[in-house]
Structure formats: structure tokens, C-alpha cells
């Protein structure tokens, strides 16, 4: 399975979806002009990955900030991953947040309450 790599920018996160080993990383800021357009290749790639996922998919989310339209796209990503989890494959979400960032912690907890995938809240020290 090919990987999908999208370079980050000041308004968009860097995304690395490695299909061969089931390691996914989304990090940075997600405030694109059009979230649906930005996340469209991610959704299309996930549609292919869902057909032949790895036994274990390890997702790391390290977002500093995301806007409302991005939050919907991120939820859609999690729902696609949930469909893999429901078929008996292992899927884990590692939700990173800065030590003082209550908003990002709450956002992770909100996602955790919506999708039925194991979430791990990981508090990062300010660097």
C-alpha cells in the first residue's frame, strides 16, 4: 500500500499516512481555506486503506490548533478508522496536547466520546 505524504504549511498540517506499516501522523495547524478540499486526498486514501488495512493502525495526532471546519474533517477521518476497528483490526489514536492546552485536551475527549476507538491522551511538555 502506498503512503500519502502532504507537506505542512502555516495553515495546513503535515500528514504522513504510511499504509505499509499502519503508522499515521497528522501534526501542526489545521486552518486551511477549504478544509474539505484539503482533506479530500486523505479521505480518498483512507477509502483504499480500509479495503486492506494492516492488522494494527497507529494514529498520532499532534495538532496545535484546528478550526471548526477541520474538526468535522478530522471526525470523518476517525469514522473511517472506526470502520476498520469494528472489523476486528487494532486501531489506536494517540492524541497529543500541550501541557496547558485545555481546549485541545477537551477536543480529544470529545472525539473519544463519539468514536469507538481506543484513545490515549498524551500530555506533551512545552518544548
Protein backbone atom coordinates (compact mmCIF):
# COMPACT_ATOMS: atom_id res chain seq x y z
CA UNK A 1 0.00 0.00 0.00
CA UNK A 2 1.37 3.39 -0.96
CA UNK A 3 1.84 6.19 1.52
CA UNK A 4 0.26 9.62 1.43
CA UNK A 5 2.52 12.47 2.43
CA UNK A 6 1.33 16.08 2.49
CA UNK A 7 3.82 18.76 3.48
CA UNK A 8 2.59 21.11 6.17
CA UNK A 9 2.29 24.87 5.86
CA UNK A 10 1.43 27.65 8.32
CA UNK A 11 -2.26 26.91 7.66
CA UNK A 12 -2.23 23.17 6.99
CA UNK A 13 -0.93 20.19 8.95
CA UNK A 14 1.74 17.84 7.73
CA UNK A 15 0.21 14.45 7.08
CA UNK A 16 2.03 11.16 6.71
CA UNK A 17 -0.13 8.09 6.21
CA UNK A 18 2.16 5.09 5.87
CA UNK A 19 -0.02 2.27 4.61
CA UNK A 20 2.73 -0.35 4.61
CA UNK A 21 3.14 -0.26 8.39
CA UNK A 22 -0.14 1.33 9.52
CA UNK A 23 1.52 4.41 11.05
CA UNK A 24 -0.38 7.66 10.57
CA UNK A 25 0.73 11.12 11.68
CA UNK A 26 -1.14 14.42 11.50
CA UNK A 27 0.64 17.39 13.08
CA UNK A 28 0.74 21.16 13.01
CA UNK A 29 -2.06 23.67 12.48
CA UNK A 30 -5.22 22.90 10.53
CA UNK A 31 -6.82 26.13 9.37
CA UNK A 32 -6.98 25.67 5.59
CA UNK A 33 -9.06 27.99 3.42
CA UNK A 34 -11.18 25.00 2.41
CA UNK A 35 -10.95 22.04 4.78
CA UNK A 36 -12.96 19.71 2.53
CA UNK A 37 -10.56 20.31 -0.37
CA UNK A 38 -7.50 19.91 1.84
CA UNK A 39 -8.68 16.66 3.46
CA UNK A 40 -10.14 15.17 0.25
CA UNK A 41 -6.94 13.25 -0.69
CA UNK A 42 -6.75 11.94 2.88
CA UNK A 43 -10.34 10.63 2.70
CA UNK A 44 -9.75 9.05 -0.71
CA UNK A 45 -6.54 7.41 0.50
CA UNK A 46 -8.33 6.09 3.60
CA UNK A 47 -11.08 4.63 1.40
CA UNK A 48 -8.38 2.50 -0.26
CA UNK A 49 -6.67 1.66 3.03
CA UNK A 50 -9.96 0.47 4.56
CA UNK A 51 -10.14 -2.27 1.92
CA UNK A 52 -6.85 -3.81 3.04
CA UNK A 53 -5.76 -2.37 6.39
CA UNK A 54 -2.80 -3.54 8.43
CA UNK A 55 -3.51 -5.68 11.49
CA UNK A 56 -2.64 -2.64 13.58
CA UNK A 57 -3.12 1.03 12.70
CA UNK A 58 -1.37 3.50 14.97
CA UNK A 59 -2.57 7.10 14.61
CA UNK A 60 -0.69 10.03 16.13
CA UNK A 61 -2.42 13.41 16.25
CA UNK A 62 -0.26 16.39 17.27
CA UNK A 63 -2.31 19.43 16.35
CA UNK A 64 -1.53 22.84 17.84
CA UNK A 65 -4.83 24.27 16.65
CA UNK A 66 -7.65 23.45 14.24
CA UNK A 67 -10.69 25.37 13.07
CA UNK A 68 -14.31 24.24 13.12
CA UNK A 69 -14.37 23.02 9.53
CA UNK A 70 -11.20 20.99 10.15
CA UNK A 71 -12.81 19.41 13.22
CA UNK A 72 -15.52 17.90 11.02
CA UNK A 73 -12.92 16.52 8.62
CA UNK A 74 -10.92 15.05 11.50
CA UNK A 75 -14.09 13.38 12.78
CA UNK A 76 -14.66 11.93 9.29
CA UNK A 77 -11.11 10.51 9.38
CA UNK A 78 -11.83 8.92 12.76
CA UNK A 79 -15.11 7.45 11.49
CA UNK A 80 -13.27 5.77 8.62
CA UNK A 81 -10.76 4.37 11.11
CA UNK A 82 -13.65 3.23 13.31
CA UNK A 83 -14.94 1.08 10.45
CA UNK A 84 -11.58 -0.74 10.44
CA UNK A 85 -11.73 -1.16 14.23
CA UNK A 86 -15.25 -2.58 14.06
CA UNK A 87 -13.98 -5.29 11.70
CA UNK A 88 -11.62 -6.57 14.37
CA UNK A 89 -8.40 -4.81 13.43
CA UNK A 90 -6.42 -2.93 16.08
CA UNK A 91 -6.68 0.86 15.78
CA UNK A 92 -5.24 3.26 18.35
CA UNK A 93 -5.42 7.06 18.42
CA UNK A 94 -2.62 8.86 20.27
CA UNK A 95 -3.96 12.36 20.90
CA UNK A 96 -1.15 14.73 21.90
CA UNK A 97 -1.77 18.08 23.55
CA UNK A 98 0.42 20.70 25.20
CA UNK A 99 0.50 20.61 28.98
CA UNK A 100 -1.55 23.84 29.39
CA UNK A 101 -3.85 23.38 26.39
CA UNK A 102 -7.21 22.51 27.96
CA UNK A 103 -9.03 23.16 24.68
CA UNK A 104 -7.01 20.56 22.78
CA UNK A 105 -7.43 18.05 25.62
CA UNK A 106 -11.21 18.61 25.59
CA UNK A 107 -11.30 18.28 21.80
CA UNK A 108 -9.60 14.88 22.09
CA UNK A 109 -12.02 13.83 24.80
CA UNK A 110 -14.95 14.92 22.63
CA UNK A 111 -13.71 12.76 19.75
CA UNK A 112 -13.10 9.91 22.18
CA UNK A 113 -16.75 10.06 23.27
CA UNK A 114 -18.02 9.99 19.66
CA UNK A 115 -15.96 7.25 18.02
CA UNK A 116 -15.46 3.79 19.45
CA UNK A 117 -11.70 3.53 19.03
CA UNK A 118 -9.16 3.36 21.88
CA UNK A 119 -7.82 6.88 22.54
CA UNK A 120 -4.72 7.71 24.54
CA UNK A 121 -4.40 11.27 25.78
CA UNK A 122 -0.72 12.18 25.80
CA UNK A 123 0.37 15.34 27.57
CA UNK A 124 3.44 16.91 25.98
CA UNK A 125 5.74 19.29 27.83
CA UNK A 126 6.30 22.64 26.18
CA UNK A 127 9.48 22.49 24.18
